[in-house]
Amino acid sequence: MSSLNRPVLRRIGVLLPLLGLGGCIEEVRPLYGSGSFLANGAQAEKMQSVAVDEIGGRLGHYLGDDLQLDLNGTGAPTDPQYHLVVTLTEGTETPLIDTVEGLATSATIVTTANFRLIPTANKKVYVGKAYVAASYDRNINRFANVRAARDAEIRDARRLADEITTQVAAELATHP
């Protein structure tokens, strides 16, 4: 055998056992895109059958609206098969402080959402958690600080809705 064939034989020797593992994977489906979980009509109906319970507070209002849009983008009322209960914890951190004036120059709104997907039939309850943080700059103008904090809350709500929707979709995809 010539020395030119040895690297090729090594590659074949490494890849050949991997062919046997192909049968071990059950079925891998993408969550988004054509042929995905959400593109399938029955699966989309599952997502639409999730009712979002009311979430308290301003951030809860933004999050609830985003979740309803993500889960049931049609706006059509459906018979809920699941209830999504979300509790929020929000805090503000000020990592940078101006040493001359003693005021914070930036702040970070940290939000944690604990949620439960509760089936209306007596089945297993799915419990999940999502965590996001959004920073904003602070200055001496009080109104600008309030508006920047609200914008950070809205960004947090959008990102939380995306994370929760993805986890709910993954959970619904695993159960027939």
Protein backbone atom coordinates (compact mmCIF):
# COMPACT_ATOMS: atom_id res chain seq x y z
CA MET A 1 0.00 0.00 0.00
CA SER A 2 1.33 3.42 -0.82
CA SER A 3 1.67 6.14 1.78
CA LEU A 4 -0.89 8.29 -0.08
CA ASN A 5 -3.72 5.91 0.82
CA ARG A 6 -2.99 5.84 4.55
CA PRO A 7 -4.56 9.25 5.38
CA VAL A 8 -7.63 8.30 3.38
CA LEU A 9 -7.88 4.96 5.18
CA ARG A 10 -7.54 6.70 8.55
CA ARG A 11 -10.41 9.06 7.72
CA ILE A 12 -12.56 6.16 6.58
CA GLY A 13 -11.66 4.27 9.75
CA VAL A 14 -12.77 7.21 11.87
CA LEU A 15 -15.99 7.93 9.95
CA LEU A 16 -17.15 4.33 9.48
CA PRO A 17 -18.20 3.77 13.13
CA LEU A 18 -20.16 7.02 13.05
CA LEU A 19 -22.46 5.62 10.38
CA GLY A 20 -23.72 3.08 12.89
CA LEU A 21 -24.73 5.88 15.26
CA GLY A 22 -27.10 7.35 12.68
CA GLY A 23 -29.81 4.88 13.67
CA CYS A 24 -29.55 5.84 17.34
CA ILE A 25 -31.02 9.29 16.79
CA GLU A 26 -34.81 9.08 16.87
CA GLU A 27 -35.99 12.13 14.95
CA VAL A 28 -34.50 15.57 15.00
CA ARG A 29 -36.90 18.30 13.93
CA PRO A 30 -36.16 22.01 13.85
CA LEU A 31 -38.31 24.23 16.04
CA TYR A 32 -38.57 26.96 13.39
CA GLY A 33 -38.55 26.86 9.57
CA SER A 34 -40.20 24.67 6.96
CA GLY A 35 -41.00 21.17 8.15
CA SER A 36 -40.59 22.37 11.71
CA PHE A 37 -42.66 21.96 14.84
CA LEU A 38 -44.38 25.32 14.41
CA ALA A 39 -45.01 24.93 10.67
CA ASN A 40 -47.10 21.80 11.31
CA GLY A 41 -50.78 22.76 11.64
CA ALA A 42 -51.52 20.47 14.59
CA GLN A 43 -48.48 21.71 16.47
CA ALA A 44 -49.37 25.34 15.79
CA GLU A 45 -52.80 24.60 17.26
CA LYS A 46 -51.08 23.33 20.40
CA MET A 47 -49.25 26.63 20.73
CA GLN A 48 -52.51 28.52 20.20
CA SER A 49 -54.20 26.45 22.90
CA VAL A 50 -51.99 27.99 25.60
CA ALA A 51 -53.83 30.65 27.60
CA VAL A 52 -51.63 33.20 29.33
CA ASP A 53 -52.91 34.05 32.81
CA GLU A 54 -52.77 37.69 33.85
CA ILE A 55 -49.33 38.86 35.00
CA GLY A 56 -49.24 41.73 37.48
CA GLY A 57 -47.38 45.00 37.09
CA ARG A 58 -46.23 47.11 34.15
CA LEU A 59 -43.59 44.60 33.09
CA GLY A 60 -46.18 41.84 33.39
CA HIS A 61 -48.48 43.77 31.06
CA TYR A 62 -45.77 44.01 28.40
CA LEU A 63 -44.77 40.37 28.89
CA GLY A 64 -48.37 39.12 28.74
CA ASP A 65 -49.02 40.96 25.48
CA ASP A 66 -45.81 39.62 23.92
CA LEU A 67 -46.59 36.06 25.04
CA GLN A 68 -50.13 36.19 23.66
CA LEU A 69 -48.79 37.45 20.34
CA ASP A 70 -46.07 34.78 20.20
CA LEU A 71 -48.30 31.88 21.24
CA ASN A 72 -51.49 32.84 19.41
CA GLY A 73 -50.55 35.27 16.68
CA THR A 74 -53.95 34.89 15.00
CA GLY A 75 -55.86 36.68 17.73
CA ALA A 76 -58.66 34.15 17.34
CA PRO A 77 -60.04 32.78 20.60
CA THR A 78 -59.29 29.12 21.19
CA ASP A 79 -60.31 26.51 23.71
CA PRO A 80 -57.33 26.53 26.12
CA GLN A 81 -55.72 23.16 26.76
CA TYR A 82 -52.92 24.71 28.85
CA HIS A 83 -52.56 27.65 31.20
CA LEU A 84 -49.29 29.56 31.43
CA VAL A 85 -48.75 31.06 34.88
CA VAL A 86 -45.83 33.49 35.15
CA THR A 87 -44.38 35.18 38.23
CA LEU A 88 -41.79 37.91 37.81
CA THR A 89 -38.94 39.11 39.97
CA GLU A 90 -37.33 42.38 38.96
CA GLY A 91 -34.35 44.22 40.36
CA THR A 92 -32.08 47.10 39.43
CA GLU A 93 -28.32 47.00 39.72
CA THR A 94 -26.03 50.01 39.35
CA PRO A 95 -22.60 48.72 38.36
CA LEU A 96 -21.01 52.12 37.56
CA ILE A 97 -20.94 55.10 39.91
CA ASP A 98 -19.46 58.51 39.16
CA THR A 99 -16.98 59.15 41.99
CA VAL A 100 -17.21 62.95 41.70
CA GLU A 101 -21.00 63.26 42.00
CA GLY A 102 -21.68 59.92 43.69
CA LEU A 103 -24.45 59.08 41.19
CA ALA A 104 -24.94 55.97 39.11
CA THR A 105 -24.04 56.48 35.44
CA SER A 106 -25.74 53.30 34.27
CA ALA A 107 -28.16 50.73 35.56
CA THR A 108 -29.15 47.19 34.70
CA ILE A 109 -32.67 45.87 35.10
CA VAL A 110 -32.47 42.17 35.93
CA THR A 111 -35.66 40.18 35.47
CA THR A 112 -36.35 36.56 36.31
CA ALA A 113 -39.54 34.81 35.21
CA ASN A 114 -40.62 31.59 36.85
CA PHE A 115 -43.41 29.95 34.89
CA ARG A 116 -45.57 26.86 34.90
CA LEU A 117 -47.35 25.32 31.93
CA ILE A 118 -50.40 23.66 33.45
CA PRO A 119 -52.52 21.31 31.30
CA THR A 120 -56.28 21.49 31.82
CA ALA A 121 -56.33 17.67 31.89
CA ASN A 122 -54.53 16.05 34.78
CA LYS A 123 -51.11 15.66 33.25
CA LYS A 124 -47.58 16.61 34.20
CA VAL A 125 -46.97 20.29 34.88
CA TYR A 126 -43.95 21.81 33.12
CA VAL A 127 -41.94 24.25 35.25
CA GLY A 128 -39.42 26.62 33.69
CA LYS A 129 -37.33 29.67 34.38
CA ALA A 130 -36.05 32.51 32.18
CA TYR A 131 -33.54 35.21 33.07
CA VAL A 132 -32.72 38.43 31.21
CA ALA A 133 -30.93 41.70 31.89
CA ALA A 134 -31.06 45.02 30.06
CA SER A 135 -28.77 47.98 30.73
CA TYR A 136 -29.39 51.67 30.22
CA ASP A 137 -27.47 54.91 30.75
CA ARG A 138 -28.49 57.30 33.50
CA ASN A 139 -27.99 61.05 33.65
CA ILE A 140 -29.17 64.01 35.70
CA ASN A 141 -32.46 64.37 33.80
CA ARG A 142 -35.07 62.51 35.85
CA PHE A 143 -37.54 62.01 32.99
CA ALA A 144 -34.81 60.58 30.76
CA ASN A 145 -33.93 58.08 33.50
CA VAL A 146 -37.56 57.00 33.91
CA ARG A 147 -38.03 56.61 30.14
CA ALA A 148 -34.75 54.71 29.73
CA ALA A 149 -35.74 52.35 32.56
CA ARG A 150 -39.12 51.74 30.93
CA ASP A 151 -37.45 51.03 27.58
CA ALA A 152 -35.17 48.53 29.32
CA GLU A 153 -38.24 46.86 30.88
CA ILE A 154 -39.87 46.60 27.45
CA ARG A 155 -36.69 45.01 26.04
CA ASP A 156 -36.65 42.60 28.99
CA ALA A 157 -40.30 41.66 28.36
CA ARG A 158 -39.65 40.98 24.67
CA ARG A 159 -36.63 38.78 25.40
CA LEU A 160 -38.45 36.95 28.22
CA ALA A 161 -41.39 36.27 25.91
CA ASP A 162 -39.01 34.81 23.32
CA GLU A 163 -37.32 32.56 25.90
CA ILE A 164 -40.58 31.39 27.45
CA THR A 165 -42.16 30.75 24.03
CA THR A 166 -39.17 28.68 22.96
CA GLN A 167 -39.26 26.59 26.14
CA VAL A 168 -43.03 26.09 25.88
CA ALA A 169 -42.75 25.12 22.20
CA ALA A 170 -40.00 22.62 23.01
CA GLU A 171 -42.11 21.13 25.80
CA LEU A 172 -45.19 20.85 23.59
CA ALA A 173 -43.12 19.28 20.83
CA THR A 174 -42.03 16.44 23.13
CA HIS A 175 -45.59 15.46 24.07
CA PRO A 176 -48.10 14.07 21.57
